[in-house]
């Protein structure tokens, strides 16, 4: 799903993407793909934009996947153990959330240094 991500405004992005995704309810979608870093926009401000895995973004995504009965995937800037990750989540309707941390980071913007 392509969207108009609001730069550095996770609450507005949850509202915006929530409305878009809820419009798919009952249409037979079983996989919904969101843009990379859809809650913050692509950012070099990881310290202020990162969320924990038990934060509002992950809870919101879990509830939405359950409500829609679909897998929702997209990446967030995640803080874990004092480190920061561009983490792809695979949120399943049953609440399970396998994930993948991006390994080949964008060097031109210094993403690899965080």
PDB file of N, CA and C in Angstrom:
ATOM      1  N   UNK A   1       0.849  -1.162   0.000  1.00  0.00           N
ATOM      2  CA  UNK A   1       0.000   0.000   0.000  1.00  0.00           C
ATOM      3  C   UNK A   1       0.899   1.231   0.000  1.00  0.00           C
ATOM      4  N   UNK A   2       0.721   2.074  -0.979  1.00  0.00           N
ATOM      5  CA  UNK A   2       1.463   3.330  -1.039  1.00  0.00           C
ATOM      6  C   UNK A   2       0.677   4.377  -0.275  1.00  0.00           C
ATOM      7  N   UNK A   3       1.374   5.210   0.477  1.00  0.00           N
ATOM      8  CA  UNK A   3       0.672   6.198   1.269  1.00  0.00           C
ATOM      9  C   UNK A   3       1.422   7.506   1.340  1.00  0.00           C
ATOM     10  N   UNK A   4       0.848   8.438   2.039  1.00  0.00           N
ATOM     11  CA  UNK A   4       1.416   9.765   2.236  1.00  0.00           C
ATOM     12  C   UNK A   4       1.893   9.857   3.682  1.00  0.00           C
ATOM     13  N   UNK A   5       3.061   9.286   3.944  1.00  0.00           N
ATOM     14  CA  UNK A   5       3.602   9.225   5.300  1.00  0.00           C
ATOM     15  C   UNK A   5       3.892  10.628   5.824  1.00  0.00           C
ATOM     16  N   UNK A   6       3.454  10.894   7.051  1.00  0.00           N
ATOM     17  CA  UNK A   6       3.715  12.183   7.710  1.00  0.00           C
ATOM     18  C   UNK A   6       5.082  12.099   8.381  1.00  0.00           C
ATOM     19  N   UNK A   7       5.978  13.003   8.037  1.00  0.00           N
ATOM     20  CA  UNK A   7       7.350  13.010   8.518  1.00  0.00           C
ATOM     21  C   UNK A   7       7.394  13.202  10.032  1.00  0.00           C
ATOM     22  N   UNK A   8       7.991  12.257  10.740  1.00  0.00           N
ATOM     23  CA  UNK A   8       8.232  12.321  12.190  1.00  0.00           C
ATOM     24  C   UNK A   8       6.947  12.478  13.008  1.00  0.00           C
ATOM     25  N   UNK A   9       5.858  11.869  12.584  1.00  0.00           N
ATOM     26  CA  UNK A   9       4.594  11.979  13.319  1.00  0.00           C
ATOM     27  C   UNK A   9       3.908  10.611  13.375  1.00  0.00           C
ATOM     28  N   UNK A  10       4.392   9.763  14.287  1.00  0.00           N
ATOM     29  CA  UNK A  10       3.897   8.386  14.379  1.00  0.00           C
ATOM     30  C   UNK A  10       2.396   8.333  14.662  1.00  0.00           C
ATOM     31  N   UNK A  11       1.892   9.198  15.533  1.00  0.00           N
ATOM     32  CA  UNK A  11       0.461   9.178  15.864  1.00  0.00           C
ATOM     33  C   UNK A  11      -0.382   9.494  14.628  1.00  0.00           C
ATOM     34  N   UNK A  12       0.016  10.502  13.863  1.00  0.00           N
ATOM     35  CA  UNK A  12      -0.726  10.845  12.642  1.00  0.00           C
ATOM     36  C   UNK A  12      -0.636   9.716  11.622  1.00  0.00           C
ATOM     37  N   UNK A  13       0.514   9.053  11.544  1.00  0.00           N
ATOM     38  CA  UNK A  13       0.667   7.947  10.597  1.00  0.00           C
ATOM     39  C   UNK A  13      -0.160   6.733  11.006  1.00  0.00           C
ATOM     40  N   UNK A  14      -0.262   6.466  12.303  1.00  0.00           N
ATOM     41  CA  UNK A  14      -1.138   5.375  12.750  1.00  0.00           C
ATOM     42  C   UNK A  14      -2.585   5.674  12.359  1.00  0.00           C
ATOM     43  N   UNK A  15      -3.008   6.908  12.549  1.00  0.00           N
ATOM     44  CA  UNK A  15      -4.377   7.289  12.181  1.00  0.00           C
ATOM     45  C   UNK A  15      -4.577   7.189  10.664  1.00  0.00           C
ATOM     46  N   UNK A  16      -3.645   7.739   9.906  1.00  0.00           N
ATOM     47  CA  UNK A  16      -3.750   7.755   8.445  1.00  0.00           C
ATOM     48  C   UNK A  16      -3.759   6.345   7.865  1.00  0.00           C
ATOM     49  N   UNK A  17      -2.746   5.544   8.218  1.00  0.00           N
ATOM     50  CA  UNK A  17      -2.683   4.184   7.677  1.00  0.00           C
ATOM     51  C   UNK A  17      -3.795   3.303   8.243  1.00  0.00           C
ATOM     52  N   UNK A  18      -4.209   3.567   9.475  1.00  0.00           N
ATOM     53  CA  UNK A  18      -5.327   2.815  10.046  1.00  0.00           C
ATOM     54  C   UNK A  18      -6.594   2.978   9.221  1.00  0.00           C
ATOM     55  N   UNK A  19      -6.885   4.218   8.818  1.00  0.00           N
ATOM     56  CA  UNK A  19      -8.067   4.466   7.979  1.00  0.00           C
ATOM     57  C   UNK A  19      -7.939   3.762   6.633  1.00  0.00           C
ATOM     58  N   UNK A  20      -6.759   3.864   6.014  1.00  0.00           N
ATOM     59  CA  UNK A  20      -6.557   3.198   4.722  1.00  0.00           C
ATOM     60  C   UNK A  20      -6.735   1.688   4.839  1.00  0.00           C
ATOM     61  N   UNK A  21      -6.123   1.111   5.869  1.00  0.00           N
ATOM     62  CA  UNK A  21      -6.189  -0.340   6.023  1.00  0.00           C
ATOM     63  C   UNK A  21      -7.592  -0.810   6.386  1.00  0.00           C
ATOM     64  N   UNK A  22      -8.287  -0.069   7.239  1.00  0.00           N
ATOM     65  CA  UNK A  22      -9.650  -0.473   7.609  1.00  0.00           C
ATOM     66  C   UNK A  22     -10.588  -0.454   6.404  1.00  0.00           C
ATOM     67  N   UNK A  23     -10.262   0.356   5.404  1.00  0.00           N
ATOM     68  CA  UNK A  23     -11.096   0.387   4.193  1.00  0.00           C
ATOM     69  C   UNK A  23     -10.989  -0.921   3.409  1.00  0.00           C
ATOM     70  N   UNK A  24      -9.984  -1.750   3.725  1.00  0.00           N
ATOM     71  CA  UNK A  24      -9.806  -3.038   3.050  1.00  0.00           C
ATOM     72  C   UNK A  24     -10.589  -4.166   3.722  1.00  0.00           C
ATOM     73  N   UNK A  25     -11.126  -3.893   4.918  1.00  0.00           N
ATOM     74  CA  UNK A  25     -11.815  -4.942   5.665  1.00  0.00           C
ATOM     75  C   UNK A  25     -12.958  -5.535   4.842  1.00  0.00           C
ATOM     76  N   UNK A  26     -12.994  -6.868   4.827  1.00  0.00           N
ATOM     77  CA  UNK A  26     -14.045  -7.576   4.119  1.00  0.00           C
ATOM     78  C   UNK A  26     -13.820  -7.716   2.622  1.00  0.00           C
ATOM     79  N   UNK A  27     -12.668  -7.267   2.129  1.00  0.00           N
ATOM     80  CA  UNK A  27     -12.391  -7.344   0.695  1.00  0.00           C
ATOM     81  C   UNK A  27     -11.499  -8.530   0.331  1.00  0.00           C
ATOM     82  N   UNK A  28     -11.212  -9.386   1.301  1.00  0.00           N
ATOM     83  CA  UNK A  28     -10.446 -10.596   1.012  1.00  0.00           C
ATOM     84  C   UNK A  28      -8.940 -10.430   1.023  1.00  0.00           C
ATOM     85  N   UNK A  29      -8.435  -9.316   1.517  1.00  0.00           N
ATOM     86  CA  UNK A  29      -6.982  -9.127   1.595  1.00  0.00           C
ATOM     87  C   UNK A  29      -6.417 -10.010   2.697  1.00  0.00           C
ATOM     88  N   UNK A  30      -5.379 -10.780   2.376  1.00  0.00           N
ATOM     89  CA  UNK A  30      -4.740 -11.572   3.428  1.00  0.00           C
ATOM     90  C   UNK A  30      -3.294 -11.150   3.661  1.00  0.00           C
ATOM     91  N   UNK A  31      -2.773 -10.231   2.838  1.00  0.00           N
ATOM     92  CA  UNK A  31      -1.433  -9.675   3.016  1.00  0.00           C
ATOM     93  C   UNK A  31      -1.470  -8.207   2.625  1.00  0.00           C
ATOM     94  N   UNK A  32      -1.026  -7.353   3.548  1.00  0.00           N
ATOM     95  CA  UNK A  32      -0.973  -5.911   3.304  1.00  0.00           C
ATOM     96  C   UNK A  32       0.457  -5.458   3.552  1.00  0.00           C
ATOM     97  N   UNK A  33       1.051  -4.795   2.570  1.00  0.00           N
ATOM     98  CA  UNK A  33       2.434  -4.340   2.670  1.00  0.00           C
ATOM     99  C   UNK A  33       2.466  -2.821   2.799  1.00  0.00           C
ATOM    100  N   UNK A  34       3.126  -2.352   3.854  1.00  0.00           N
ATOM    101  CA  UNK A  34       3.271  -0.921   4.096  1.00  0.00           C
ATOM    102  C   UNK A  34       4.681  -0.472   3.706  1.00  0.00           C
ATOM    103  N   UNK A  35       4.889   0.832   3.500  1.00  0.00           N
ATOM    104  CA  UNK A  35       6.211   1.331   3.115  1.00  0.00           C
ATOM    105  C   UNK A  35       7.259   1.147   4.219  1.00  0.00           C
ATOM    106  N   UNK A  36       8.506   1.230   3.810  1.00  0.00           N
ATOM    107  CA  UNK A  36       9.612   1.193   4.765  1.00  0.00           C
ATOM    108  C   UNK A  36       9.480   2.385   5.709  1.00  0.00           C
ATOM    109  N   UNK A  37       9.703   2.146   6.991  1.00  0.00           N
ATOM    110  CA  UNK A  37       9.612   3.148   8.064  1.00  0.00           C
ATOM    111  C   UNK A  37       8.333   3.991   7.959  1.00  0.00           C
ATOM    112  N   UNK A  38       7.208   3.292   7.820  1.00  0.00           N
ATOM    113  CA  UNK A  38       5.921   3.953   7.578  1.00  0.00           C
ATOM    114  C   UNK A  38       5.421   4.794   8.739  1.00  0.00           C
ATOM    115  N   UNK A  39       5.907   4.585   9.960  1.00  0.00           N
ATOM    116  CA  UNK A  39       5.433   5.400  11.080  1.00  0.00           C
ATOM    117  C   UNK A  39       6.205   6.701  11.257  1.00  0.00           C
ATOM    118  N   UNK A  40       7.450   6.745  10.804  1.00  0.00           N
ATOM    119  CA  UNK A  40       8.263   7.943  11.006  1.00  0.00           C
ATOM    120  C   UNK A  40       8.679   8.619   9.710  1.00  0.00           C
ATOM    121  N   UNK A  41       8.566   7.923   8.597  1.00  0.00           N
ATOM    122  CA  UNK A  41       9.221   8.373   7.384  1.00  0.00           C
ATOM    123  C   UNK A  41      10.688   7.995   7.506  1.00  0.00           C
ATOM    124  N   UNK A  42      11.394   7.946   6.392  1.00  0.00           N
ATOM    125  CA  UNK A  42      12.813   7.593   6.455  1.00  0.00           C
ATOM    126  C   UNK A  42      13.533   8.727   7.158  1.00  0.00           C
ATOM    127  N   UNK A  43      14.276   8.412   8.212  1.00  0.00           N
ATOM    128  CA  UNK A  43      14.835   9.453   9.062  1.00  0.00           C
ATOM    129  C   UNK A  43      16.246   9.128   9.515  1.00  0.00           C
ATOM    130  N   UNK A  44      17.013  10.162   9.750  1.00  0.00           N
ATOM    131  CA  UNK A  44      18.310  10.013  10.405  1.00  0.00           C
ATOM    132  C   UNK A  44      18.194  10.337  11.891  1.00  0.00           C
ATOM    133  N   UNK A  45      17.016  10.693  12.346  1.00  0.00           N
ATOM    134  CA  UNK A  45      16.768  11.038  13.746  1.00  0.00           C
ATOM    135  C   UNK A  45      16.284   9.803  14.513  1.00  0.00           C
ATOM    136  N   UNK A  46      17.090   8.745  14.489  1.00  0.00           N
ATOM    137  CA  UNK A  46      16.664   7.482  15.092  1.00  0.00           C
ATOM    138  C   UNK A  46      16.451   7.587  16.595  1.00  0.00           C
ATOM    139  N   UNK A  47      17.229   8.415  17.281  1.00  0.00           N
ATOM    140  CA  UNK A  47      17.093   8.518  18.733  1.00  0.00           C
ATOM    141  C   UNK A  47      15.695   8.959  19.147  1.00  0.00           C
ATOM    142  N   UNK A  48      15.096   9.857  18.381  1.00  0.00           N
ATOM    143  CA  UNK A  48      13.783  10.392  18.746  1.00  0.00           C
ATOM    144  C   UNK A  48      12.620   9.676  18.064  1.00  0.00           C
ATOM    145  N   UNK A  49      12.882   8.933  17.005  1.00  0.00           N
ATOM    146  CA  UNK A  49      11.807   8.289  16.251  1.00  0.00           C
ATOM    147  C   UNK A  49      11.651   6.803  16.555  1.00  0.00           C
ATOM    148  N   UNK A  50      12.643   6.206  17.209  1.00  0.00           N
ATOM    149  CA  UNK A  50      12.613   4.760  17.465  1.00  0.00           C
ATOM    150  C   UNK A  50      11.556   4.403  18.507  1.00  0.00           C
ATOM    151  N   UNK A  51      11.011   3.204  18.363  1.00  0.00           N
ATOM    152  CA  UNK A  51      10.054   2.655  19.326  1.00  0.00           C
ATOM    153  C   UNK A  51      10.569   1.318  19.822  1.00  0.00           C
ATOM    154  N   UNK A  52      10.153   0.943  21.018  1.00  0.00           N
ATOM    155  CA  UNK A  52      10.447  -0.392  21.534  1.00  0.00           C
ATOM    156  C   UNK A  52       9.461  -1.382  20.926  1.00  0.00           C
ATOM    157  N   UNK A  53       9.793  -2.663  20.985  1.00  0.00           N
ATOM    158  CA  UNK A  53       8.894  -3.687  20.443  1.00  0.00           C
ATOM    159  C   UNK A  53       7.600  -3.803  21.248  1.00  0.00           C
ATOM    160  N   UNK A  54       7.557  -3.217  22.437  1.00  0.00           N
ATOM    161  CA  UNK A  54       6.301  -3.203  23.192  1.00  0.00           C
ATOM    162  C   UNK A  54       5.664  -1.810  23.160  1.00  0.00           C
ATOM    163  N   UNK A  55       6.062  -1.006  22.177  1.00  0.00           N
ATOM    164  CA  UNK A  55       5.564   0.356  22.059  1.00  0.00           C
ATOM    165  C   UNK A  55       4.242   0.458  21.311  1.00  0.00           C
ATOM    166  N   UNK A  56       3.794   1.682  21.172  1.00  0.00           N
ATOM    167  CA  UNK A  56       2.483   1.966  20.578  1.00  0.00           C
ATOM    168  C   UNK A  56       2.358   1.464  19.143  1.00  0.00           C
ATOM    169  N   UNK A  57       3.412   1.593  18.348  1.00  0.00           N
ATOM    170  CA  UNK A  57       3.343   1.181  16.946  1.00  0.00           C
ATOM    171  C   UNK A  57       3.121  -0.305  16.772  1.00  0.00           C
ATOM    172  N   UNK A  58       3.839  -1.101  17.547  1.00  0.00           N
ATOM    173  CA  UNK A  58       3.708  -2.559  17.443  1.00  0.00           C
ATOM    174  C   UNK A  58       2.352  -3.002  17.984  1.00  0.00           C
ATOM    175  N   UNK A  59       1.901  -2.414  19.087  1.00  0.00           N
ATOM    176  CA  UNK A  59       0.573  -2.751  19.627  1.00  0.00           C
ATOM    177  C   UNK A  59      -0.524  -2.400  18.624  1.00  0.00           C
ATOM    178  N   UNK A  60      -0.408  -1.243  17.993  1.00  0.00           N
ATOM    179  CA  UNK A  60      -1.377  -0.808  16.990  1.00  0.00           C
ATOM    180  C   UNK A  60      -1.409  -1.784  15.815  1.00  0.00           C
ATOM    181  N   UNK A  61      -0.226  -2.159  15.330  1.00  0.00           N
ATOM    182  CA  UNK A  61      -0.142  -3.073  14.193  1.00  0.00           C
ATOM    183  C   UNK A  61      -0.729  -4.440  14.537  1.00  0.00           C
ATOM    184  N   UNK A  62      -0.464  -4.923  15.757  1.00  0.00           N
ATOM    185  CA  UNK A  62      -0.991  -6.220  16.203  1.00  0.00           C
ATOM    186  C   UNK A  62      -2.520  -6.198  16.233  1.00  0.00           C
ATOM    187  N   UNK A  63      -3.094  -5.143  16.791  1.00  0.00           N
ATOM    188  CA  UNK A  63      -4.559  -5.035  16.870  1.00  0.00           C
ATOM    189  C   UNK A  63      -5.178  -4.927  15.477  1.00  0.00           C
ATOM    190  N   UNK A  64      -4.538  -4.191  14.593  1.00  0.00           N
ATOM    191  CA  UNK A  64      -5.061  -4.018  13.239  1.00  0.00           C
ATOM    192  C   UNK A  64      -5.010  -5.323  12.447  1.00  0.00           C
ATOM    193  N   UNK A  65      -3.912  -6.067  12.566  1.00  0.00           N
ATOM    194  CA  UNK A  65      -3.805  -7.361  11.868  1.00  0.00           C
ATOM    195  C   UNK A  65      -4.895  -8.316  12.347  1.00  0.00           C
ATOM    196  N   UNK A  66      -5.148  -8.323  13.659  1.00  0.00           N
ATOM    197  CA  UNK A  66      -6.194  -9.191  14.201  1.00  0.00           C
ATOM    198  C   UNK A  66      -7.568  -8.762  13.689  1.00  0.00           C
ATOM    199  N   UNK A  67      -7.828  -7.459  13.694  1.00  0.00           N
ATOM    200  CA  UNK A  67      -9.122  -6.947  13.251  1.00  0.00           C
ATOM    201  C   UNK A  67      -9.377  -7.240  11.773  1.00  0.00           C
ATOM    202  N   UNK A  68      -8.346  -7.106  10.951  1.00  0.00           N
ATOM    203  CA  UNK A  68      -8.506  -7.314   9.510  1.00  0.00           C
ATOM    204  C   UNK A  68      -8.364  -8.774   9.102  1.00  0.00           C
ATOM    205  N   UNK A  69      -7.819  -9.606   9.999  1.00  0.00           N
ATOM    206  CA  UNK A  69      -7.593 -11.009   9.659  1.00  0.00           C
ATOM    207  C   UNK A  69      -6.576 -11.168   8.546  1.00  0.00           C
ATOM    208  N   UNK A  70      -5.564 -10.290   8.551  1.00  0.00           N
ATOM    209  CA  UNK A  70      -4.558 -10.290   7.486  1.00  0.00           C
ATOM    210  C   UNK A  70      -3.170 -10.089   8.082  1.00  0.00           C
ATOM    211  N   UNK A  71      -2.161 -10.584   7.386  1.00  0.00           N
ATOM    212  CA  UNK A  71      -0.777 -10.271   7.728  1.00  0.00           C
ATOM    213  C   UNK A  71      -0.514  -8.845   7.259  1.00  0.00           C
ATOM    214  N   UNK A  72       0.112  -8.047   8.128  1.00  0.00           N
ATOM    215  CA  UNK A  72       0.521  -6.694   7.752  1.00  0.00           C
ATOM    216  C   UNK A  72       2.031  -6.627   7.916  1.00  0.00           C
ATOM    217  N   UNK A  73       2.721  -6.170   6.883  1.00  0.00           N
ATOM    218  CA  UNK A  73       4.171  -6.075   6.946  1.00  0.00           C
ATOM    219  C   UNK A  73       4.620  -4.668   6.576  1.00  0.00           C
ATOM    220  N   UNK A  74       5.666  -4.231   7.219  1.00  0.00           N
ATOM    221  CA  UNK A  74       6.265  -2.921   6.994  1.00  0.00           C
ATOM    222  C   UNK A  74       7.379  -2.756   8.006  1.00  0.00           C
ATOM    223  N   UNK A  75       8.217  -1.751   7.841  1.00  0.00           N
ATOM    224  CA  UNK A  75       9.328  -1.607   8.784  1.00  0.00           C
ATOM    225  C   UNK A  75       9.150  -0.390   9.677  1.00  0.00           C
ATOM    226  N   UNK A  76       9.737  -0.510  10.867  1.00  0.00           N
ATOM    227  CA  UNK A  76       9.759   0.552  11.865  1.00  0.00           C
ATOM    228  C   UNK A  76      11.200   0.764  12.302  1.00  0.00           C
ATOM    229  N   UNK A  77      11.486   1.941  12.838  1.00  0.00           N
ATOM    230  CA  UNK A  77      12.757   2.163  13.510  1.00  0.00           C
ATOM    231  C   UNK A  77      12.558   1.673  14.938  1.00  0.00           C
ATOM    232  N   UNK A  78      13.319   0.631  15.312  1.00  0.00           N
ATOM    233  CA  UNK A  78      13.136  -0.029  16.609  1.00  0.00           C
ATOM    234  C   UNK A  78      14.386   0.143  17.465  1.00  0.00           C
ATOM    235  N   UNK A  79      14.171   0.403  18.753  1.00  0.00           N
ATOM    236  CA  UNK A  79      15.242   0.492  19.742  1.00  0.00           C
ATOM    237  C   UNK A  79      15.205  -0.797  20.563  1.00  0.00           C
ATOM    238  N   UNK A  80      16.369  -1.454  20.680  1.00  0.00           N
ATOM    239  CA  UNK A  80      16.424  -2.705  21.439  1.00  0.00           C
ATOM    240  C   UNK A  80      17.837  -2.899  21.973  1.00  0.00           C
ATOM    241  N   UNK A  81      17.959  -3.055  23.274  1.00  0.00           N
ATOM    242  CA  UNK A  81      19.262  -3.298  23.883  1.00  0.00           C
ATOM    243  C   UNK A  81      20.275  -2.200  23.613  1.00  0.00           C
ATOM    244  N   UNK A  82      19.825  -0.945  23.577  1.00  0.00           N
ATOM    245  CA  UNK A  82      20.724   0.171  23.337  1.00  0.00           C
ATOM    246  C   UNK A  82      21.139   0.351  21.886  1.00  0.00           C
ATOM    247  N   UNK A  83      20.564  -0.419  20.993  1.00  0.00           N
ATOM    248  CA  UNK A  83      20.871  -0.323  19.561  1.00  0.00           C
ATOM    249  C   UNK A  83      19.598   0.017  18.796  1.00  0.00           C
ATOM    250  N   UNK A  84      19.767   0.418  17.548  1.00  0.00           N
ATOM    251  CA  UNK A  84      18.653   0.838  16.706  1.00  0.00           C
ATOM    252  C   UNK A  84      18.637   0.009  15.435  1.00  0.00           C
ATOM    253  N   UNK A  85      17.427  -0.357  15.000  1.00  0.00           N
ATOM    254  CA  UNK A  85      17.267  -1.228  13.844  1.00  0.00           C
ATOM    255  C   UNK A  85      16.165  -0.706  12.929  1.00  0.00           C
ATOM    256  N   UNK A  86      16.370  -0.868  11.643  1.00  0.00           N
ATOM    257  CA  UNK A  86      15.303  -0.702  10.658  1.00  0.00           C
ATOM    258  C   UNK A  86      14.716  -2.107  10.537  1.00  0.00           C
ATOM    259  N   UNK A  87      13.628  -2.358  11.244  1.00  0.00           N
ATOM    260  CA  UNK A  87      13.098  -3.716  11.426  1.00  0.00           C
ATOM    261  C   UNK A  87      11.824  -3.943  10.618  1.00  0.00           C
ATOM    262  N   UNK A  88      11.872  -4.945   9.757  1.00  0.00           N
ATOM    263  CA  UNK A  88      10.686  -5.370   9.016  1.00  0.00           C
ATOM    264  C   UNK A  88       9.873  -6.301   9.911  1.00  0.00           C
ATOM    265  N   UNK A  89       8.618  -5.947  10.130  1.00  0.00           N
ATOM    266  CA  UNK A  89       7.717  -6.776  10.938  1.00  0.00           C
ATOM    267  C   UNK A  89       6.786  -7.551  10.015  1.00  0.00           C
ATOM    268  N   UNK A  90       6.468  -8.766  10.403  1.00  0.00           N
ATOM    269  CA  UNK A  90       5.509  -9.619   9.690  1.00  0.00           C
ATOM    270  C   UNK A  90       4.418  -9.934  10.707  1.00  0.00           C
ATOM    271  N   UNK A  91       3.508  -8.964  10.898  1.00  0.00           N
ATOM    272  CA  UNK A  91       2.503  -9.083  11.948  1.00  0.00           C
ATOM    273  C   UNK A  91       1.363  -9.977  11.473  1.00  0.00           C
ATOM    274  N   UNK A  92       1.174 -11.070  12.185  1.00  0.00           N
ATOM    275  CA  UNK A  92       0.158 -12.048  11.821  1.00  0.00           C
ATOM    276  C   UNK A  92      -1.127 -11.806  12.620  1.00  0.00           C
ATOM    277  N   UNK A  93      -2.273 -12.204  12.081  1.00  0.00           N
ATOM    278  CA  UNK A  93      -3.546 -11.983  12.769  1.00  0.00           C
ATOM    279  C   UNK A  93      -3.611 -12.610  14.163  1.00  0.00           C
ATOM    280  N   UNK A  94      -2.828 -13.670  14.398  1.00  0.00           N
ATOM    281  CA  UNK A  94      -2.834 -14.311  15.719  1.00  0.00           C
ATOM    282  C   UNK A  94      -1.895 -13.623  16.705  1.00  0.00           C
ATOM    283  N   UNK A  95      -1.270 -12.515  16.309  1.00  0.00           N
ATOM    284  CA  UNK A  95      -0.407 -11.745  17.198  1.00  0.00           C
ATOM    285  C   UNK A  95       1.066 -12.088  17.113  1.00  0.00           C
ATOM    286  N   UNK A  96       1.408 -13.189  16.453  1.00  0.00           N
ATOM    287  CA  UNK A  96       2.825 -13.513  16.295  1.00  0.00           C
ATOM    288  C   UNK A  96       3.467 -12.497  15.360  1.00  0.00           C
ATOM    289  N   UNK A  97       4.756 -12.204  15.613  1.00  0.00           N
ATOM    290  CA  UNK A  97       5.414 -11.160  14.833  1.00  0.00           C
ATOM    291  C   UNK A  97       6.871 -11.515  14.528  1.00  0.00           C
ATOM    292  N   UNK A  98       7.099 -12.419  13.576  1.00  0.00           N
ATOM    293  CA  UNK A  98       8.479 -12.624  13.136  1.00  0.00           C
ATOM    294  C   UNK A  98       9.001 -11.303  12.551  1.00  0.00           C
ATOM    295  N   UNK A  99      10.312 -11.115  12.607  1.00  0.00           N
ATOM    296  CA  UNK A  99      10.864  -9.871  12.079  1.00  0.00           C
ATOM    297  C   UNK A  99      12.252 -10.092  11.480  1.00  0.00           C
ATOM    298  N   UNK A 100      12.696  -9.114  10.722  1.00  0.00           N
ATOM    299  CA  UNK A 100      14.006  -9.135  10.077  1.00  0.00           C
ATOM    300  C   UNK A 100      14.617  -7.745  10.218  1.00  0.00           C
ATOM    301  N   UNK A 101      15.861  -7.684  10.686  1.00  0.00           N
ATOM    302  CA  UNK A 101      16.565  -6.414  10.792  1.00  0.00           C
ATOM    303  C   UNK A 101      17.390  -6.184   9.537  1.00  0.00           C
ATOM    304  N   UNK A 102      17.169  -5.057   8.901  1.00  0.00           N
ATOM    305  CA  UNK A 102      17.880  -4.708   7.672  1.00  0.00           C
ATOM    306  C   UNK A 102      19.387  -4.743   7.943  1.00  0.00           C
ATOM    307  N   UNK A 103      20.125  -5.425   7.095  1.00  0.00           N
ATOM    308  CA  UNK A 103      21.569  -5.591   7.296  1.00  0.00           C
ATOM    309  C   UNK A 103      22.414  -4.712   6.387  1.00  0.00           C
ATOM    310  N   UNK A 104      21.915  -4.388   5.228  1.00  0.00           N
ATOM    311  CA  UNK A 104      22.668  -3.577   4.267  1.00  0.00           C
ATOM    312  C   UNK A 104      22.065  -2.175   4.278  1.00  0.00           C
ATOM    313  N   UNK A 105      22.598  -1.356   5.174  1.00  0.00           N
ATOM    314  CA  UNK A 105      22.021  -0.044   5.427  1.00  0.00           C
ATOM    315  C   UNK A 105      22.520   0.988   4.420  1.00  0.00           C
ATOM    316  N   UNK A 106      21.779   2.050   4.269  1.00  0.00           N
ATOM    317  CA  UNK A 106      22.060   3.098   3.295  1.00  0.00           C
ATOM    318  C   UNK A 106      23.257   3.923   3.761  1.00  0.00           C
ATOM    319  N   UNK A 107      24.391   3.736   3.127  1.00  0.00           N
ATOM    320  CA  UNK A 107      25.636   4.356   3.558  1.00  0.00           C
ATOM    321  C   UNK A 107      25.690   5.857   3.276  1.00  0.00           C
ATOM    322  N   UNK A 108      25.078   6.310   2.205  1.00  0.00           N
ATOM    323  CA  UNK A 108      25.166   7.729   1.829  1.00  0.00           C
ATOM    324  C   UNK A 108      24.565   8.642   2.897  1.00  0.00           C
ATOM    325  N   UNK A 109      23.595   8.173   3.639  1.00  0.00           N
ATOM    326  CA  UNK A 109      22.960   8.985   4.681  1.00  0.00           C
ATOM    327  C   UNK A 109      23.504   8.659   6.067  1.00  0.00           C
ATOM    328  N   UNK A 110      24.478   7.764   6.162  1.00  0.00           N
ATOM    329  CA  UNK A 110      25.063   7.422   7.450  1.00  0.00           C
ATOM    330  C   UNK A 110      24.235   6.454   8.268  1.00  0.00           C
ATOM    331  N   UNK A 111      23.208   5.832   7.665  1.00  0.00           N
ATOM    332  CA  UNK A 111      22.343   4.901   8.398  1.00  0.00           C
ATOM    333  C   UNK A 111      23.149   3.757   9.009  1.00  0.00           C
ATOM    334  N   UNK A 112      24.228   3.357   8.341  1.00  0.00           N
ATOM    335  CA  UNK A 112      25.045   2.232   8.808  1.00  0.00           C
ATOM    336  C   UNK A 112      25.800   2.545  10.094  1.00  0.00           C
ATOM    337  N   UNK A 113      25.884   3.815  10.504  1.00  0.00           N
ATOM    338  CA  UNK A 113      26.634   4.213  11.694  1.00  0.00           C
ATOM    339  C   UNK A 113      25.791   4.199  12.959  1.00  0.00           C
ATOM    340  N   UNK A 114      24.503   3.926  12.860  1.00  0.00           N
ATOM    341  CA  UNK A 114      23.626   3.993  14.036  1.00  0.00           C
ATOM    342  C   UNK A 114      23.394   2.638  14.615  1.00  0.00           C
TER     343      UNK A 114
END
